[in-house]
Amino acid sequence: MADLIIMDGRAPEEALQTIINKIESLGYEIHLSKGKEKTLVGIIGDTRALTEDLFVGMEGVIEVISILKDYKLVTREFHPEDTIISIGDLAINSERITIIAGPCSVENLTMMVHTATQLKKAGCHLLRGGAFKPRTSPYSFFGLGKEGLSILHEAKKVSGMPIVTEVLSPEEVEEVAEVADILQIGTRNMYNYRLLERVGKQARPVLLKRGFQATLNEFLSCAEYIMKEGNEKIILCERGIRTFDSHFTRNCLDLSAVPVLKKESHLPVFIDPSHGTGRRDLVLPMSKAAIAAGADGLLIEVHPKPDQAISDGFQSLTIEQFNELMKELSRFAEAAGRSL
């Protein structure tokens, strides 16, 4: 089986084109990554019928690799360097800790604009807020919908911060993408393959949350669904998994996922300590632990009056607490050789 062809970066363009033509003539698509020393030619599709000897010996070919995984494009074999996602002047990479913060739900314009401006002053990079909310109970608040998107748009204009918000169905992707700078796929929708394919056709970056019962193999396979459609700007977000103990914390925040995902994949890895613990008093220590584990960013719920929040107030920080968190994290990140 042949999945990845490693070519000498100094090989003539004609040799590379010959390889590409051969792959396409066999009915496969390609994923090309050019470096100074090597060129990686990924073969996309069911490669079980392909044998290595079809390419060994061709001009410029150094090695032919078989990837025995359910996912290929998200692996470091296909893309050895870290993926950097740019949103305006903001670069999401491993050199700095990117902070996404805001309320669980968009409630009204006054609250959202106030929260956005205060978060911006504190050093937040991106504003989060749910306009469409998937809820466990059919009697819970499901968000303001289109009105919520309009409020987010206004908060973006006032604060200057890019927007992260969730999209629930394939039919809503384009509408949400008109406002959102990053499309969020929530834990309940991680297995929604039609939705994954639809956001994969978008130019907007995607923040993919791990399902609360998903293995890391399943998580990365869902990222593959997005990338296979052409969208390589994916952020992996660990937000806690369900285990046997739900008395003290809402979920079990799997921090071991960070180094595993960073080693296995080239995609940025974020941690959501708010959903991961369900307790505002645990957000700061788990944020520090996430940075120590190598996370590239944090997703934190903040509300000006958590006790009056329509949803998830118990795990939301006040604006004052968020200010203190940013000060603490700044020192902690500096000690870890990184910055906010």
Protein backbone atom coordinates (compact mmCIF):
# COMPACT_ATOMS: atom_id res chain seq x y z
CA MET A 1 0.00 0.00 0.00
CA ALA A 2 1.31 3.45 -0.95
CA ASP A 3 0.03 6.59 0.81
CA LEU A 4 2.91 9.05 0.78
CA ILE A 5 5.69 9.58 -1.74
CA ILE A 6 8.74 11.46 -0.51
CA MET A 7 10.64 13.13 -3.33
CA ASP A 8 13.95 14.98 -3.44
CA GLY A 9 13.16 18.70 -3.28
CA ARG A 10 15.81 19.30 -5.96
CA ALA A 11 14.14 16.92 -8.42
CA PRO A 12 13.11 18.60 -11.68
CA GLU A 13 9.52 19.79 -12.00
CA GLU A 14 9.01 17.31 -14.83
CA ALA A 15 9.72 14.40 -12.47
CA LEU A 16 7.16 15.69 -9.95
CA GLN A 17 4.57 16.19 -12.68
CA THR A 18 5.13 12.64 -13.91
CA ILE A 19 4.35 11.32 -10.41
CA ILE A 20 1.25 13.51 -10.17
CA ASN A 21 -0.01 12.42 -13.59
CA LYS A 22 0.44 8.76 -12.69
CA ILE A 23 -1.47 9.11 -9.41
CA GLU A 24 -4.33 10.98 -11.07
CA SER A 25 -4.49 8.51 -13.94
CA LEU A 26 -5.12 5.78 -11.36
CA GLY A 27 -8.15 7.70 -10.06
CA TYR A 28 -6.66 9.28 -6.93
CA GLU A 29 -6.33 12.86 -5.71
CA ILE A 30 -3.12 14.34 -4.34
CA HIS A 31 -2.02 16.51 -1.43
CA LEU A 32 1.22 18.35 -2.20
CA SER A 33 3.65 19.82 0.34
CA LYS A 34 6.86 21.37 -0.99
CA GLY A 35 9.91 21.99 1.16
CA LYS A 36 13.50 23.01 0.40
CA GLU A 37 14.89 19.50 0.81
CA LYS A 38 11.85 17.29 0.27
CA THR A 39 8.54 17.31 -1.53
CA LEU A 40 5.72 15.24 -0.04
CA VAL A 41 3.09 13.83 -2.38
CA GLY A 42 0.12 12.44 -0.46
CA ILE A 43 -2.25 10.04 -2.21
CA ILE A 44 -5.89 10.62 -1.23
CA GLY A 45 -8.39 7.78 -1.44
CA ASP A 46 -8.59 4.06 -0.75
CA THR A 47 -4.96 3.08 -1.38
CA ARG A 48 -5.21 -0.61 -0.49
CA ALA A 49 -4.84 -1.56 -4.16
CA LEU A 50 -1.71 0.60 -4.62
CA THR A 51 1.68 -1.06 -4.17
CA GLU A 52 4.94 0.70 -3.39
CA ASP A 53 6.67 -0.75 -6.45
CA LEU A 54 4.48 1.42 -8.71
CA PHE A 55 6.62 4.42 -7.69
CA VAL A 56 9.91 3.04 -6.39
CA GLY A 57 12.69 3.80 -8.85
CA MET A 58 10.95 6.72 -10.52
CA GLU A 59 13.06 9.87 -10.88
CA GLY A 60 13.28 11.92 -7.70
CA VAL A 61 11.56 9.37 -5.45
CA ILE A 62 13.36 8.86 -2.13
CA GLU A 63 10.82 6.74 -0.26
CA VAL A 64 7.25 5.43 -0.50
CA ILE A 65 5.39 5.19 2.82
CA SER A 66 2.27 3.30 3.84
CA ILE A 67 0.15 4.94 6.57
CA LEU A 68 -1.88 2.31 8.40
CA LYS A 69 -4.35 4.71 10.02
CA ASP A 70 -7.93 5.82 9.47
CA TYR A 71 -6.64 9.35 8.87
CA LYS A 72 -3.77 10.55 6.70
CA LEU A 73 -3.92 14.27 5.94
CA VAL A 74 -3.90 15.27 9.61
CA THR A 75 -0.79 13.22 10.40
CA ARG A 76 2.74 14.54 10.71
CA GLU A 77 3.83 12.05 8.06
CA PHE A 78 1.82 14.06 5.54
CA HIS A 79 2.63 17.46 7.06
CA PRO A 80 5.74 17.46 9.29
CA GLU A 81 5.59 21.17 10.19
CA ASP A 82 3.05 22.69 12.56
CA THR A 83 0.04 24.23 10.84
CA ILE A 84 -0.22 27.98 11.44
CA ILE A 85 -3.68 29.52 11.11
CA SER A 86 -3.87 33.23 10.33
CA ILE A 87 -6.90 35.39 11.08
CA GLY A 88 -6.09 38.96 10.13
CA ASP A 89 -3.04 39.95 12.15
CA LEU A 90 -3.50 37.03 14.56
CA ALA A 91 -1.39 33.90 14.02
CA ILE A 92 -2.45 30.76 15.86
CA ASN A 93 0.75 28.81 16.42
CA SER A 94 2.82 27.04 19.05
CA GLU A 95 4.86 30.14 20.02
CA ARG A 96 2.03 31.94 21.82
CA ILE A 97 -1.06 30.98 23.78
CA THR A 98 -4.21 32.08 21.94
CA ILE A 99 -7.12 32.99 24.20
CA ILE A 100 -10.76 32.65 23.12
CA ALA A 101 -13.25 33.91 25.69
CA GLY A 102 -16.85 34.98 26.08
CA PRO A 103 -20.24 33.82 27.36
CA CYS A 104 -21.76 30.44 26.65
CA SER A 105 -24.78 32.08 25.00
CA VAL A 106 -25.39 35.41 23.32
CA GLU A 107 -28.12 36.94 25.51
CA ASN A 108 -28.50 40.55 24.37
CA LEU A 109 -26.57 43.31 22.63
CA THR A 110 -25.69 45.33 25.74
CA MET A 111 -24.20 42.34 27.58
CA MET A 112 -22.29 41.10 24.54
CA VAL A 113 -20.73 44.45 23.64
CA HIS A 114 -19.79 45.16 27.26
CA THR A 115 -18.22 41.73 27.65
CA ALA A 116 -16.34 42.02 24.35
CA THR A 117 -14.80 45.39 25.17
CA GLN A 118 -13.73 44.25 28.64
CA LEU A 119 -12.21 41.03 27.31
CA LYS A 120 -10.30 42.98 24.67
CA LYS A 121 -8.81 45.23 27.37
CA ALA A 122 -7.72 42.15 29.30
CA GLY A 123 -5.78 40.80 26.31
CA CYS A 124 -8.25 38.29 24.86
CA HIS A 125 -7.62 37.44 21.20
CA LEU A 126 -10.97 36.07 19.96
CA LEU A 127 -14.56 36.45 21.15
CA ARG A 128 -16.79 33.44 21.62
CA GLY A 129 -20.56 33.32 22.03
CA GLY A 130 -23.27 30.85 21.09
CA ALA A 131 -26.05 32.06 18.78
CA PHE A 132 -27.26 28.51 18.09
CA LYS A 133 -27.10 26.23 21.14
CA PRO A 134 -27.48 22.43 21.14
CA ARG A 135 -28.82 21.46 24.55
CA THR A 136 -29.34 18.18 26.39
CA SER A 137 -32.81 19.18 27.59
CA PRO A 138 -35.46 20.14 25.00
CA TYR A 139 -36.68 22.78 27.47
CA SER A 140 -33.35 24.63 27.73
CA PHE A 141 -32.42 27.90 26.02
CA PHE A 142 -31.45 27.19 22.40
CA GLY A 143 -29.95 30.58 21.60
CA LEU A 144 -31.13 33.67 19.76
CA GLY A 145 -30.31 32.25 16.33
CA LYS A 146 -30.07 34.88 13.58
CA GLU A 147 -30.53 37.68 16.10
CA GLY A 148 -27.56 36.26 18.00
CA LEU A 149 -25.45 36.39 14.85
CA SER A 150 -26.34 40.06 14.38
CA ILE A 151 -25.33 40.78 17.97
CA LEU A 152 -22.01 38.99 17.48
CA HIS A 153 -21.40 41.04 14.33
CA GLU A 154 -21.99 44.26 16.29
CA ALA A 155 -19.71 43.11 19.13
CA LYS A 156 -17.00 42.39 16.58
CA LYS A 157 -17.30 45.88 15.10
CA VAL A 158 -17.05 47.51 18.51
CA SER A 159 -14.24 45.39 19.97
CA GLY A 160 -12.28 44.53 16.83
CA MET A 161 -12.01 40.89 17.96
CA PRO A 162 -12.64 38.01 15.54
CA ILE A 163 -15.67 35.83 16.29
CA VAL A 164 -15.89 32.12 17.18
CA THR A 165 -19.38 30.64 17.19
CA GLU A 166 -20.97 27.24 16.73
CA VAL A 167 -22.78 25.97 13.65
CA LEU A 168 -25.27 23.14 14.14
CA SER A 169 -26.35 21.98 10.71
CA PRO A 170 -25.01 21.83 7.14
CA GLU A 171 -27.77 24.18 5.97
CA GLU A 172 -26.62 26.96 8.33
CA VAL A 173 -22.90 26.88 7.50
CA GLU A 174 -22.84 29.66 4.91
CA GLU A 175 -25.04 31.95 7.01
CA VAL A 176 -22.92 31.51 10.14
CA ALA A 177 -19.70 31.89 8.10
CA GLU A 178 -20.80 35.41 7.07
CA VAL A 179 -20.29 36.48 10.71
CA ALA A 180 -17.92 33.94 12.24
CA ASP A 181 -14.16 34.07 11.68
CA ILE A 182 -13.91 30.53 13.10
CA LEU A 183 -16.67 27.94 12.77
CA GLN A 184 -17.05 25.81 15.88
CA ILE A 185 -18.19 22.19 15.71
CA GLY A 186 -19.44 21.24 19.16
CA THR A 187 -18.94 17.96 20.97
CA ARG A 188 -22.43 16.69 20.06
CA ASN A 189 -21.76 17.28 16.37
CA MET A 190 -18.29 15.76 16.13
CA TYR A 191 -19.83 12.72 14.42
CA ASN A 192 -22.05 14.79 12.10
CA TYR A 193 -20.19 13.83 8.94
CA ARG A 194 -22.36 15.88 6.57
CA LEU A 195 -21.65 18.96 8.67
CA LEU A 196 -17.93 18.17 8.74
CA GLU A 197 -17.88 17.88 4.96
CA ARG A 198 -19.78 21.15 4.56
CA VAL A 199 -17.38 23.18 6.74
CA GLY A 200 -14.55 21.41 4.90
CA LYS A 201 -15.64 23.26 1.76
CA GLN A 202 -15.45 26.61 3.58
CA ALA A 203 -12.49 28.98 3.67
CA ARG A 204 -13.14 29.72 7.36
CA PRO A 205 -11.01 27.96 9.98
CA VAL A 206 -12.81 25.28 12.01
CA LEU A 207 -12.57 24.65 15.75
CA LEU A 208 -13.44 20.96 16.18
CA LYS A 209 -14.37 19.86 19.69
CA ARG A 210 -13.75 16.28 20.78
CA GLY A 211 -16.89 14.27 21.43
CA PHE A 212 -17.38 13.50 25.11
CA GLN A 213 -17.17 9.74 24.41
CA ALA A 214 -14.75 9.85 21.48
CA THR A 215 -11.37 8.17 21.25
CA LEU A 216 -8.49 10.21 19.88
CA ASN A 217 -8.51 8.01 16.79
CA GLU A 218 -12.15 8.94 16.17
CA PHE A 219 -11.38 12.60 16.89
CA LEU A 220 -8.60 12.75 14.32
CA SER A 221 -10.70 10.81 11.81
CA CYS A 222 -13.39 13.50 12.07
CA ALA A 223 -10.75 16.16 11.43
CA GLU A 224 -9.83 14.13 8.35
CA TYR A 225 -13.40 14.50 7.05
CA ILE A 226 -12.94 18.27 7.11
CA MET A 227 -9.46 18.29 5.62
CA LYS A 228 -10.36 15.85 2.86
CA GLU A 229 -12.74 18.48 1.47
CA GLY A 230 -9.90 21.00 1.19
CA ASN A 231 -10.03 22.97 4.46
CA GLU A 232 -6.69 22.53 6.24
CA LYS A 233 -7.31 25.25 8.86
CA ILE A 234 -8.50 23.08 11.74
CA ILE A 235 -8.08 23.57 15.49
CA LEU A 236 -8.47 20.48 17.66
CA CYS A 237 -10.16 21.24 20.99
CA GLU A 238 -10.16 18.91 24.01
CA ARG A 239 -13.17 19.77 26.18
CA GLY A 240 -13.40 16.86 28.58
CA ILE A 241 -14.68 13.33 28.25
CA ARG A 242 -17.32 11.45 30.20
CA THR A 243 -16.05 9.01 32.83
CA PHE A 244 -17.54 7.26 35.87
CA ASP A 245 -17.17 10.20 38.27
CA SER A 246 -19.50 13.15 37.67
CA HIS A 247 -19.93 14.26 41.28
CA PHE A 248 -16.99 16.66 41.57
CA THR A 249 -16.50 17.74 37.97
CA ARG A 250 -18.72 18.00 34.92
CA ASN A 251 -16.29 16.03 32.75
CA CYS A 252 -12.81 14.55 32.95
CA LEU A 253 -10.41 16.97 31.26
CA ASP A 254 -8.02 14.72 29.34
CA LEU A 255 -4.81 16.77 29.35
CA SER A 256 -2.83 13.76 28.14
CA ALA A 257 -4.57 14.32 24.80
CA VAL A 258 -2.46 17.46 24.24
CA PRO A 259 1.00 15.86 23.85
CA VAL A 260 -0.51 12.87 22.04
CA LEU A 261 -2.31 15.06 19.49
CA LYS A 262 0.71 17.35 19.09
CA LYS A 263 2.89 14.35 18.31
CA GLU A 264 0.38 12.62 16.05
CA SER A 265 -0.91 15.66 14.16
CA HIS A 266 0.33 18.99 12.81
CA LEU A 267 -2.86 20.83 13.83
CA PRO A 268 -3.10 23.36 16.71
CA VAL A 269 -4.51 21.93 19.96
CA PHE A 270 -6.71 23.95 22.32
CA ILE A 271 -8.13 23.15 25.76
CA ASP A 272 -11.56 24.12 27.09
CA PRO A 273 -11.17 24.09 30.89
CA SER A 274 -14.66 25.53 31.40
CA HIS A 275 -16.56 22.58 29.91
CA GLY A 276 -13.74 20.23 30.87
CA THR A 277 -14.36 20.75 34.58
CA GLY A 278 -17.69 22.58 34.88
CA ARG A 279 -16.28 24.58 37.78
CA ARG A 280 -15.02 28.14 37.64
CA ASP A 281 -12.61 27.52 40.53
CA LEU A 282 -10.81 24.88 38.43
CA VAL A 283 -10.45 26.97 35.26
CA LEU A 284 -7.19 28.68 36.31
CA PRO A 285 -5.28 25.58 37.52
CA MET A 286 -6.40 23.56 34.48
CA SER A 287 -5.42 26.43 32.17
CA LYS A 288 -1.93 26.40 33.68
CA ALA A 289 -1.78 22.63 33.33
CA ALA A 290 -2.86 22.90 29.69
CA ILE A 291 -0.03 25.34 28.95
CA ALA A 292 2.44 23.05 30.69
CA ALA A 293 1.19 20.15 28.57
CA GLY A 294 1.85 22.15 25.39
CA ALA A 295 -1.60 23.46 24.41
CA ASP A 296 -1.66 26.19 21.77
CA GLY A 297 -4.73 27.95 23.12
CA LEU A 298 -7.56 28.09 25.64
CA LEU A 299 -11.33 28.43 25.27
CA ILE A 300 -12.78 30.07 28.39
CA GLU A 301 -16.33 31.01 29.32
CA VAL A 302 -16.72 34.52 30.78
CA HIS A 303 -19.90 36.34 31.77
CA PRO A 304 -20.30 39.75 33.49
CA LYS A 305 -22.82 38.21 35.93
CA PRO A 306 -22.42 34.41 35.90
CA ASP A 307 -25.14 33.90 38.52
CA GLN A 308 -27.62 35.47 36.11
CA ALA A 309 -26.37 33.72 32.98
CA ILE A 310 -28.94 31.87 30.89
CA SER A 311 -26.59 28.92 30.45
CA ASP A 312 -23.40 27.56 32.06
CA GLY A 313 -23.06 30.31 34.65
CA PHE A 314 -21.60 27.87 37.17
CA GLN A 315 -18.47 27.38 35.04
CA SER A 316 -18.12 30.95 33.77
CA LEU A 317 -15.59 33.42 35.15
CA THR A 318 -16.52 36.98 35.99
CA ILE A 319 -14.72 39.67 34.04
CA GLU A 320 -12.67 40.46 37.14
CA GLN A 321 -11.69 36.79 37.48
CA PHE A 322 -10.74 36.71 33.81
CA ASN A 323 -8.47 39.71 34.31
CA GLU A 324 -6.71 37.91 37.15
CA LEU A 325 -6.47 34.74 35.07
CA MET A 326 -4.75 36.63 32.23
CA LYS A 327 -2.21 38.10 34.64
CA GLU A 328 -1.50 34.68 36.13
CA LEU A 329 -1.27 32.99 32.75
CA SER A 330 1.05 35.67 31.39
CA ARG A 331 3.62 34.90 34.08
CA PHE A 332 3.09 31.16 33.72
CA ALA A 333 3.44 31.25 29.93
CA GLU A 334 6.63 33.31 30.21
CA ALA A 335 8.12 30.71 32.57
CA ALA A 336 7.26 28.07 29.95
CA GLY A 337 9.10 30.08 27.27
CA ARG A 338 5.92 31.26 25.55
CA SER A 339 3.69 34.34 25.53
CA LEU A 340 0.05 35.38 25.49
